Structures are given as structure tokens and as C-alpha cells.
């Protein structure tokens, strides 16, 4: 299983690099990420629970995107200029990663981590936008590296 985690960390690194440098990430990296995190979760728990976790996680992401969309409509802002399609794709494909409670906690901490990194690197950055998918991929890469040598399933159990 360590080889899948290693490939996943490398892909997270590629997403971070591309998103930070150009704000453009190759689209095929997102489905590869989704397949890898799904396979890793499937290694630890039965397929029925993997599907339940994935549906609940995607529902959580859909709820957050709907709230964001409504907020932007009220503020008369463009959704396309506020949140990139790469960010939305990253949200969707990372939804296949963990049990629902673990996913919600990690997702929220990834968003806070991204905000803090943006404030730290704001003056050095030439873009005004946040490389959200890149920063979140850095966070999830650290999470997977922390569990790299462990066969524990604490992130996948309820």
C-alpha cells in the first residue's frame, strides 16, 4: 500500500507546483488522485463502507459549494471568478479519501491551512487568487506522509 501513497504524494506535489506557478493544473491529475485515494480507502475498509463514505463526503462538498454559490449570488459576484474549476474538481475527487468524520475534520483544517499559507505568501505571490487546490494538496500530502509507514486505519474508521 505504501507505493500507492507514494504515487499519491508525488501527484499532490505536481498539483501544488502547477497550481502555485501558473494557476493551471493538468485536469487528469484530479481523477488519478480520486482513483488512488479510493483504492487506498478500499484497502482498509469494505467496499460498502467506501461507497457510503464517498456519497456522504460528496454530499458535504456539494452542500459547501451550494452555500458558496448562494453567498456569491447574494453578493452579486461571479462563481467562476471566485472558485476555480480545478478547486471544485479537487474537492470532488478528494471526497473519496476518508471516513466522513475524518474527511470533514481534515477538509476544514485543509481550508484553514490554505488560508494561513495564503496570508504568509501573499506579498511574494504575483497572482491575486489563491492556489486552493495546491495548498490543500500540500496539506493532504502531509497527512498521507504521516500515515506512510503505518498500517493503521484510524482515518478510515468511524
N, C-alpha and C. Protein backbone atom coordinates (compact mmCIF):
# COMPACT_ATOMS: atom_id res chain seq x y z
N UNK A 1 0.82 -1.20 0.00
CA UNK A 1 0.00 0.00 0.00
C UNK A 1 0.87 1.27 0.00
N UNK A 2 2.09 1.12 0.48
CA UNK A 2 2.97 2.29 0.56
C UNK A 2 3.25 2.87 -0.82
N UNK A 3 3.28 2.05 -1.85
CA UNK A 3 3.57 2.54 -3.20
C UNK A 3 2.44 3.41 -3.72
N UNK A 4 1.19 3.09 -3.39
CA UNK A 4 0.08 3.95 -3.80
C UNK A 4 0.14 5.30 -3.09
N UNK A 5 0.49 5.26 -1.82
CA UNK A 5 0.63 6.51 -1.07
C UNK A 5 1.78 7.35 -1.62
N UNK A 6 2.87 6.70 -2.03
CA UNK A 6 4.00 7.43 -2.60
C UNK A 6 3.60 8.09 -3.92
N UNK A 7 2.91 7.35 -4.78
CA UNK A 7 2.43 7.93 -6.04
C UNK A 7 1.48 9.08 -5.77
N UNK A 8 0.62 8.92 -4.78
CA UNK A 8 -0.33 9.97 -4.43
C UNK A 8 0.38 11.22 -3.94
N UNK A 9 1.40 11.06 -3.11
CA UNK A 9 2.15 12.22 -2.62
C UNK A 9 2.85 12.92 -3.78
N UNK A 10 3.37 12.17 -4.73
CA UNK A 10 4.01 12.78 -5.90
C UNK A 10 2.98 13.56 -6.72
N UNK A 11 1.80 13.01 -6.89
CA UNK A 11 0.75 13.71 -7.64
C UNK A 11 0.31 14.97 -6.88
N UNK A 12 0.19 14.89 -5.56
CA UNK A 12 -0.11 16.08 -4.77
C UNK A 12 0.96 17.14 -4.97
N UNK A 13 2.21 16.72 -5.04
CA UNK A 13 3.30 17.67 -5.29
C UNK A 13 3.17 18.33 -6.65
N UNK A 14 2.79 17.55 -7.66
CA UNK A 14 2.60 18.10 -9.01
C UNK A 14 1.45 19.11 -9.02
N UNK A 15 0.37 18.80 -8.32
CA UNK A 15 -0.76 19.72 -8.25
C UNK A 15 -0.34 21.01 -7.55
N UNK A 16 0.40 20.90 -6.46
CA UNK A 16 0.88 22.08 -5.75
C UNK A 16 1.77 22.92 -6.65
N UNK A 17 2.72 22.30 -7.30
CA UNK A 17 3.65 23.05 -8.15
C UNK A 17 2.93 23.76 -9.29
N UNK A 18 2.06 23.05 -10.00
CA UNK A 18 1.36 23.65 -11.13
C UNK A 18 0.41 24.74 -10.69
N UNK A 19 -0.30 24.51 -9.60
CA UNK A 19 -1.27 25.50 -9.13
C UNK A 19 -0.58 26.74 -8.60
N UNK A 20 0.53 26.58 -7.93
CA UNK A 20 1.23 27.73 -7.37
C UNK A 20 1.92 28.54 -8.47
N UNK A 21 2.51 27.88 -9.45
CA UNK A 21 3.24 28.57 -10.50
C UNK A 21 2.33 29.24 -11.52
N UNK A 22 1.35 28.52 -12.02
CA UNK A 22 0.56 29.01 -13.16
C UNK A 22 -0.92 29.18 -12.90
N UNK A 23 -1.42 28.63 -11.80
CA UNK A 23 -2.86 28.56 -11.52
C UNK A 23 -3.58 27.70 -12.54
N UNK A 24 -2.83 26.80 -13.16
CA UNK A 24 -3.39 25.83 -14.11
C UNK A 24 -2.82 24.47 -13.77
N UNK A 25 -3.71 23.50 -13.57
CA UNK A 25 -3.30 22.15 -13.24
C UNK A 25 -3.83 21.23 -14.33
N UNK A 26 -3.00 20.27 -14.75
CA UNK A 26 -3.47 19.30 -15.73
C UNK A 26 -4.70 18.59 -15.17
N UNK A 27 -5.77 18.56 -15.95
CA UNK A 27 -7.05 18.05 -15.47
C UNK A 27 -6.98 16.58 -15.09
N UNK A 28 -6.15 15.79 -15.75
CA UNK A 28 -6.13 14.35 -15.50
C UNK A 28 -5.52 13.99 -14.15
N UNK A 29 -4.86 14.93 -13.49
CA UNK A 29 -4.30 14.66 -12.16
C UNK A 29 -5.41 14.48 -11.12
N UNK A 30 -6.53 15.15 -11.30
CA UNK A 30 -7.63 15.04 -10.34
C UNK A 30 -8.28 13.66 -10.34
N UNK A 31 -8.64 13.09 -11.52
CA UNK A 31 -9.20 11.73 -11.48
C UNK A 31 -8.19 10.69 -10.99
N UNK A 32 -6.91 10.88 -11.31
CA UNK A 32 -5.90 9.95 -10.80
C UNK A 32 -5.86 10.02 -9.28
N UNK A 33 -5.94 11.23 -8.74
CA UNK A 33 -5.99 11.41 -7.29
C UNK A 33 -7.20 10.69 -6.71
N UNK A 34 -8.36 10.87 -7.32
CA UNK A 34 -9.58 10.21 -6.85
C UNK A 34 -9.47 8.69 -6.87
N UNK A 35 -8.89 8.15 -7.93
CA UNK A 35 -8.74 6.69 -8.02
C UNK A 35 -7.79 6.18 -6.95
N UNK A 36 -6.68 6.90 -6.74
CA UNK A 36 -5.70 6.46 -5.75
C UNK A 36 -6.26 6.52 -4.33
N UNK A 37 -6.93 7.62 -3.97
CA UNK A 37 -7.45 7.72 -2.60
C UNK A 37 -8.57 6.71 -2.39
N UNK A 38 -9.35 6.44 -3.44
CA UNK A 38 -10.39 5.42 -3.35
C UNK A 38 -9.76 4.05 -3.12
N UNK A 39 -8.71 3.73 -3.86
CA UNK A 39 -8.04 2.44 -3.72
C UNK A 39 -7.41 2.28 -2.35
N UNK A 40 -6.83 3.36 -1.83
CA UNK A 40 -6.22 3.31 -0.50
C UNK A 40 -7.29 3.08 0.56
N UNK A 41 -8.41 3.77 0.44
CA UNK A 41 -9.50 3.57 1.40
C UNK A 41 -10.05 2.15 1.29
N UNK A 42 -10.15 1.65 0.07
CA UNK A 42 -10.66 0.30 -0.16
C UNK A 42 -9.75 -0.76 0.45
N UNK A 43 -8.49 -0.47 0.57
CA UNK A 43 -7.54 -1.40 1.19
C UNK A 43 -7.86 -1.60 2.67
N UNK A 44 -8.36 -0.55 3.32
CA UNK A 44 -8.57 -0.58 4.77
C UNK A 44 -9.98 -0.99 5.19
N UNK A 45 -10.98 -0.70 4.39
CA UNK A 45 -12.36 -1.00 4.80
C UNK A 45 -13.13 -1.64 3.65
N UNK A 46 -14.25 -2.30 3.94
CA UNK A 46 -15.05 -2.96 2.88
C UNK A 46 -15.63 -1.95 1.89
N UNK A 47 -15.91 -2.46 0.71
CA UNK A 47 -16.36 -1.61 -0.39
C UNK A 47 -17.68 -0.90 -0.08
N UNK A 48 -18.56 -1.55 0.68
CA UNK A 48 -19.83 -0.92 1.02
C UNK A 48 -19.61 0.36 1.83
N UNK A 49 -18.70 0.29 2.79
CA UNK A 49 -18.39 1.48 3.59
C UNK A 49 -17.68 2.54 2.78
N UNK A 50 -16.87 2.13 1.83
CA UNK A 50 -16.19 3.09 0.97
C UNK A 50 -17.21 3.89 0.17
N UNK A 51 -18.23 3.20 -0.36
CA UNK A 51 -19.26 3.90 -1.12
C UNK A 51 -20.09 4.81 -0.23
N UNK A 52 -20.42 4.35 0.96
CA UNK A 52 -21.19 5.19 1.90
C UNK A 52 -20.37 6.44 2.26
N UNK A 53 -19.10 6.24 2.59
CA UNK A 53 -18.23 7.38 2.91
C UNK A 53 -18.16 8.36 1.75
N UNK A 54 -17.98 7.82 0.54
CA UNK A 54 -17.84 8.69 -0.63
C UNK A 54 -19.11 9.49 -0.89
N UNK A 55 -20.26 8.86 -0.77
CA UNK A 55 -21.53 9.56 -1.01
C UNK A 55 -21.73 10.66 0.05
N UNK A 56 -21.45 10.34 1.30
CA UNK A 56 -21.60 11.34 2.36
C UNK A 56 -20.60 12.49 2.19
N UNK A 57 -19.38 12.17 1.81
CA UNK A 57 -18.38 13.21 1.61
C UNK A 57 -18.72 14.10 0.42
N UNK A 58 -19.19 13.50 -0.66
CA UNK A 58 -19.58 14.30 -1.83
C UNK A 58 -20.80 15.16 -1.48
N UNK A 59 -21.70 14.64 -0.66
CA UNK A 59 -22.84 15.44 -0.21
C UNK A 59 -22.37 16.65 0.60
N UNK A 60 -21.40 16.44 1.46
CA UNK A 60 -20.83 17.55 2.25
C UNK A 60 -20.20 18.59 1.33
N UNK A 61 -19.43 18.16 0.35
CA UNK A 61 -18.80 19.08 -0.59
C UNK A 61 -19.86 19.81 -1.41
N UNK A 62 -20.89 19.10 -1.84
CA UNK A 62 -21.97 19.74 -2.61
C UNK A 62 -22.69 20.79 -1.77
N UNK A 63 -22.91 20.48 -0.49
CA UNK A 63 -23.53 21.45 0.40
C UNK A 63 -22.66 22.70 0.52
N UNK A 64 -21.36 22.51 0.73
CA UNK A 64 -20.46 23.67 0.83
C UNK A 64 -20.43 24.50 -0.45
N UNK A 65 -20.40 23.83 -1.59
CA UNK A 65 -20.41 24.55 -2.86
C UNK A 65 -21.73 25.28 -3.09
N UNK A 66 -22.84 24.69 -2.66
CA UNK A 66 -24.14 25.35 -2.79
C UNK A 66 -24.20 26.59 -1.90
N UNK A 67 -23.71 26.49 -0.69
CA UNK A 67 -23.67 27.66 0.21
C UNK A 67 -22.79 28.75 -0.40
N UNK A 68 -21.64 28.35 -0.92
CA UNK A 68 -20.75 29.31 -1.56
C UNK A 68 -21.42 29.97 -2.76
N UNK A 69 -22.11 29.18 -3.57
CA UNK A 69 -22.80 29.70 -4.74
C UNK A 69 -23.89 30.70 -4.33
N UNK A 70 -24.68 30.36 -3.33
CA UNK A 70 -25.74 31.25 -2.85
C UNK A 70 -25.15 32.55 -2.30
N UNK A 71 -24.09 32.44 -1.52
CA UNK A 71 -23.43 33.61 -0.97
C UNK A 71 -22.92 34.53 -2.09
N UNK A 72 -22.32 33.95 -3.10
CA UNK A 72 -21.80 34.75 -4.20
C UNK A 72 -22.93 35.40 -5.01
N UNK A 73 -24.05 34.71 -5.15
CA UNK A 73 -25.19 35.30 -5.85
C UNK A 73 -25.77 36.47 -5.06
N UNK A 74 -25.84 36.34 -3.75
CA UNK A 74 -26.33 37.42 -2.91
C UNK A 74 -25.41 38.63 -3.01
N UNK A 75 -24.11 38.38 -3.03
CA UNK A 75 -23.11 39.46 -3.13
C UNK A 75 -22.91 39.93 -4.56
N UNK A 76 -23.63 39.32 -5.51
CA UNK A 76 -23.54 39.64 -6.93
C UNK A 76 -22.12 39.50 -7.47
N UNK A 77 -21.51 38.40 -7.10
CA UNK A 77 -20.16 38.09 -7.57
C UNK A 77 -20.24 36.86 -8.47
N UNK A 78 -19.27 36.71 -9.32
CA UNK A 78 -19.23 35.58 -10.24
C UNK A 78 -18.63 34.36 -9.57
N UNK A 79 -19.32 33.24 -9.70
CA UNK A 79 -18.82 32.00 -9.12
C UNK A 79 -17.53 31.56 -9.82
N UNK A 80 -17.47 31.75 -11.14
CA UNK A 80 -16.30 31.34 -11.93
C UNK A 80 -15.05 32.12 -11.53
N UNK A 81 -15.20 33.38 -11.13
CA UNK A 81 -14.06 34.20 -10.75
C UNK A 81 -13.69 34.03 -9.28
N UNK A 82 -14.53 33.38 -8.52
CA UNK A 82 -14.28 33.21 -7.09
C UNK A 82 -13.68 31.86 -6.75
N UNK A 83 -14.11 30.84 -7.44
CA UNK A 83 -13.63 29.48 -7.18
C UNK A 83 -13.37 28.81 -8.52
N UNK A 84 -12.16 28.33 -8.71
CA UNK A 84 -11.78 27.74 -9.98
C UNK A 84 -12.34 26.34 -10.16
N UNK A 85 -12.42 25.93 -11.40
CA UNK A 85 -12.92 24.59 -11.70
C UNK A 85 -11.96 23.53 -11.17
N UNK A 86 -10.68 23.85 -11.13
CA UNK A 86 -9.71 22.92 -10.57
C UNK A 86 -9.93 22.70 -9.08
N UNK A 87 -10.31 23.76 -8.37
CA UNK A 87 -10.61 23.63 -6.96
C UNK A 87 -11.82 22.74 -6.73
N UNK A 88 -12.84 22.94 -7.54
CA UNK A 88 -14.05 22.13 -7.43
C UNK A 88 -13.74 20.66 -7.76
N UNK A 89 -12.95 20.43 -8.79
CA UNK A 89 -12.57 19.06 -9.14
C UNK A 89 -11.76 18.43 -8.01
N UNK A 90 -10.86 19.20 -7.40
CA UNK A 90 -10.08 18.67 -6.28
C UNK A 90 -11.00 18.30 -5.13
N UNK A 91 -11.97 19.16 -4.82
CA UNK A 91 -12.93 18.87 -3.74
C UNK A 91 -13.67 17.56 -4.02
N UNK A 92 -14.11 17.40 -5.26
CA UNK A 92 -14.90 16.21 -5.61
C UNK A 92 -14.05 14.95 -5.50
N UNK A 93 -12.86 14.98 -6.06
CA UNK A 93 -12.06 13.76 -6.11
C UNK A 93 -11.40 13.43 -4.77
N UNK A 94 -11.17 14.42 -3.93
CA UNK A 94 -10.62 14.12 -2.60
C UNK A 94 -11.72 13.58 -1.69
N UNK A 95 -12.97 13.70 -2.12
CA UNK A 95 -14.10 13.18 -1.34
C UNK A 95 -14.07 11.66 -1.20
N UNK A 96 -13.32 10.99 -2.04
CA UNK A 96 -13.23 9.54 -2.00
C UNK A 96 -12.17 9.04 -1.01
N UNK A 97 -11.66 9.92 -0.16
CA UNK A 97 -10.45 9.60 0.59
C UNK A 97 -10.66 8.97 1.96
N UNK A 98 -11.52 9.50 2.80
CA UNK A 98 -11.57 9.07 4.20
C UNK A 98 -13.00 8.84 4.65
N UNK A 99 -13.12 8.33 5.88
CA UNK A 99 -14.44 8.23 6.52
C UNK A 99 -14.99 9.64 6.69
N UNK A 100 -16.27 9.78 6.79
CA UNK A 100 -16.92 11.08 6.75
C UNK A 100 -16.45 12.02 7.85
N UNK A 101 -16.39 11.55 9.07
CA UNK A 101 -15.97 12.42 10.17
C UNK A 101 -14.52 12.87 9.96
N UNK A 102 -13.65 11.94 9.61
CA UNK A 102 -12.25 12.28 9.35
C UNK A 102 -12.16 13.24 8.17
N UNK A 103 -12.94 13.00 7.13
CA UNK A 103 -12.90 13.87 5.96
C UNK A 103 -13.32 15.29 6.31
N UNK A 104 -14.40 15.44 7.05
CA UNK A 104 -14.87 16.78 7.39
C UNK A 104 -13.82 17.52 8.21
N UNK A 105 -13.25 16.85 9.20
CA UNK A 105 -12.22 17.49 10.03
C UNK A 105 -11.01 17.86 9.18
N UNK A 106 -10.52 16.93 8.37
CA UNK A 106 -9.35 17.20 7.54
C UNK A 106 -9.63 18.26 6.49
N UNK A 107 -10.82 18.25 5.91
CA UNK A 107 -11.18 19.24 4.89
C UNK A 107 -11.20 20.64 5.48
N UNK A 108 -11.80 20.78 6.65
CA UNK A 108 -11.86 22.10 7.30
C UNK A 108 -10.45 22.57 7.67
N UNK A 109 -9.64 21.67 8.22
CA UNK A 109 -8.27 22.05 8.56
C UNK A 109 -7.46 22.37 7.30
N UNK A 110 -7.73 21.69 6.19
CA UNK A 110 -7.04 22.00 4.94
C UNK A 110 -7.42 23.40 4.44
N UNK A 111 -8.68 23.78 4.61
CA UNK A 111 -9.09 25.13 4.22
C UNK A 111 -8.44 26.19 5.10
N UNK A 112 -8.37 25.94 6.40
CA UNK A 112 -7.71 26.88 7.32
C UNK A 112 -6.22 26.96 7.00
N UNK A 113 -5.60 25.81 6.76
CA UNK A 113 -4.19 25.75 6.38
C UNK A 113 -3.95 26.56 5.11
N UNK A 114 -4.84 26.44 4.13
CA UNK A 114 -4.71 27.18 2.87
C UNK A 114 -4.82 28.68 3.10
N UNK A 115 -5.72 29.08 3.96
CA UNK A 115 -5.87 30.50 4.28
C UNK A 115 -4.61 31.05 4.94
N UNK A 116 -4.07 30.31 5.89
CA UNK A 116 -2.84 30.75 6.57
C UNK A 116 -1.67 30.82 5.59
N UNK A 117 -1.52 29.82 4.74
CA UNK A 117 -0.44 29.86 3.75
C UNK A 117 -0.60 31.02 2.79
N UNK A 118 -1.84 31.32 2.42
CA UNK A 118 -2.07 32.44 1.51
C UNK A 118 -1.65 33.76 2.17
N UNK A 119 -1.95 33.92 3.44
CA UNK A 119 -1.53 35.14 4.13
C UNK A 119 -0.01 35.23 4.24
N UNK A 120 0.64 34.10 4.45
CA UNK A 120 2.10 34.10 4.56
C UNK A 120 2.76 34.44 3.23
N UNK A 121 2.27 33.86 2.14
CA UNK A 121 2.89 34.04 0.83
C UNK A 121 2.22 35.11 -0.02
N UNK A 122 1.34 35.89 0.55
CA UNK A 122 0.56 36.86 -0.21
C UNK A 122 1.45 37.91 -0.87
N UNK A 123 2.43 38.44 -0.19
CA UNK A 123 3.26 39.51 -0.75
C UNK A 123 4.22 38.99 -1.80
N UNK A 124 4.63 37.73 -1.71
CA UNK A 124 5.56 37.16 -2.67
C UNK A 124 4.86 36.70 -3.93
N UNK A 125 3.57 36.55 -3.87
CA UNK A 125 2.80 35.96 -4.96
C UNK A 125 2.39 37.04 -5.95
N UNK A 126 2.56 36.76 -7.24
CA UNK A 126 2.19 37.71 -8.27
C UNK A 126 0.70 37.69 -8.60
N UNK A 127 0.02 36.61 -8.24
CA UNK A 127 -1.41 36.47 -8.52
C UNK A 127 -2.22 36.98 -7.33
N UNK A 128 -3.44 37.42 -7.60
CA UNK A 128 -4.33 37.82 -6.51
C UNK A 128 -5.22 36.66 -6.06
N UNK A 129 -5.22 35.59 -6.82
CA UNK A 129 -6.06 34.44 -6.48
C UNK A 129 -5.30 33.48 -5.57
N UNK A 130 -6.05 32.62 -4.93
CA UNK A 130 -5.47 31.65 -4.00
C UNK A 130 -5.31 30.31 -4.73
N UNK A 131 -4.13 29.69 -4.69
CA UNK A 131 -3.98 28.36 -5.28
C UNK A 131 -4.54 27.30 -4.32
N UNK A 132 -5.85 27.30 -4.18
CA UNK A 132 -6.52 26.49 -3.16
C UNK A 132 -6.26 25.00 -3.34
N UNK A 133 -6.39 24.49 -4.55
CA UNK A 133 -6.15 23.06 -4.78
C UNK A 133 -4.70 22.71 -4.46
N UNK A 134 -3.78 23.60 -4.78
CA UNK A 134 -2.37 23.35 -4.49
C UNK A 134 -2.08 23.32 -3.00
N UNK A 135 -2.59 24.30 -2.29
CA UNK A 135 -2.38 24.35 -0.84
C UNK A 135 -3.04 23.16 -0.14
N UNK A 136 -4.24 22.82 -0.59
CA UNK A 136 -4.93 21.67 0.02
C UNK A 136 -4.22 20.36 -0.32
N UNK A 137 -3.65 20.28 -1.51
CA UNK A 137 -2.90 19.07 -1.85
C UNK A 137 -1.65 18.96 -0.99
N UNK A 138 -1.03 20.07 -0.65
CA UNK A 138 0.11 20.04 0.28
C UNK A 138 -0.33 19.50 1.64
N UNK A 139 -1.47 19.98 2.12
CA UNK A 139 -1.98 19.52 3.40
C UNK A 139 -2.25 18.01 3.37
N UNK A 140 -2.95 17.54 2.34
CA UNK A 140 -3.27 16.12 2.26
C UNK A 140 -2.03 15.27 2.01
N UNK A 141 -1.03 15.82 1.32
CA UNK A 141 0.23 15.09 1.17
C UNK A 141 0.90 14.88 2.52
N UNK A 142 0.86 15.90 3.36
CA UNK A 142 1.42 15.76 4.71
C UNK A 142 0.64 14.72 5.51
N UNK A 143 -0.67 14.71 5.37
CA UNK A 143 -1.49 13.71 6.08
C UNK A 143 -1.12 12.30 5.62
N UNK A 144 -1.00 12.10 4.31
CA UNK A 144 -0.65 10.78 3.81
C UNK A 144 0.78 10.41 4.17
N UNK A 145 1.69 11.37 4.19
CA UNK A 145 3.06 11.06 4.60
C UNK A 145 3.13 10.71 6.08
N UNK A 146 2.27 11.31 6.88
CA UNK A 146 2.24 10.98 8.31
C UNK A 146 1.78 9.55 8.53
N UNK A 147 0.97 9.03 7.63
CA UNK A 147 0.49 7.65 7.76
C UNK A 147 1.24 6.72 6.81
N UNK A 148 2.36 7.18 6.28
CA UNK A 148 3.07 6.44 5.23
C UNK A 148 3.49 5.04 5.67
N UNK A 149 4.12 4.93 6.81
CA UNK A 149 4.63 3.63 7.25
C UNK A 149 3.66 2.90 8.17
N UNK A 150 2.54 3.49 8.40
CA UNK A 150 1.60 2.89 9.33
C UNK A 150 0.53 2.12 8.56
N UNK A 151 0.11 1.01 9.10
CA UNK A 151 -0.99 0.26 8.52
C UNK A 151 -2.28 0.51 9.30
N UNK A 152 -2.28 1.56 10.07
CA UNK A 152 -3.43 1.88 10.90
C UNK A 152 -4.57 2.41 10.04
N UNK A 153 -5.77 2.09 10.43
CA UNK A 153 -6.94 2.55 9.68
C UNK A 153 -7.75 3.59 10.46
N UNK A 154 -7.10 4.36 11.32
CA UNK A 154 -7.83 5.31 12.16
C UNK A 154 -8.51 6.41 11.35
N UNK A 155 -8.02 6.74 10.18
CA UNK A 155 -8.67 7.76 9.36
C UNK A 155 -9.85 7.21 8.56
N UNK A 156 -9.96 5.90 8.49
CA UNK A 156 -10.99 5.28 7.69
C UNK A 156 -12.12 4.68 8.50
N UNK A 157 -11.91 4.55 9.81
CA UNK A 157 -12.94 4.00 10.69
C UNK A 157 -13.79 5.13 11.25
N UNK A 158 -14.99 4.82 11.65
CA UNK A 158 -15.89 5.83 12.21
C UNK A 158 -15.52 6.15 13.63
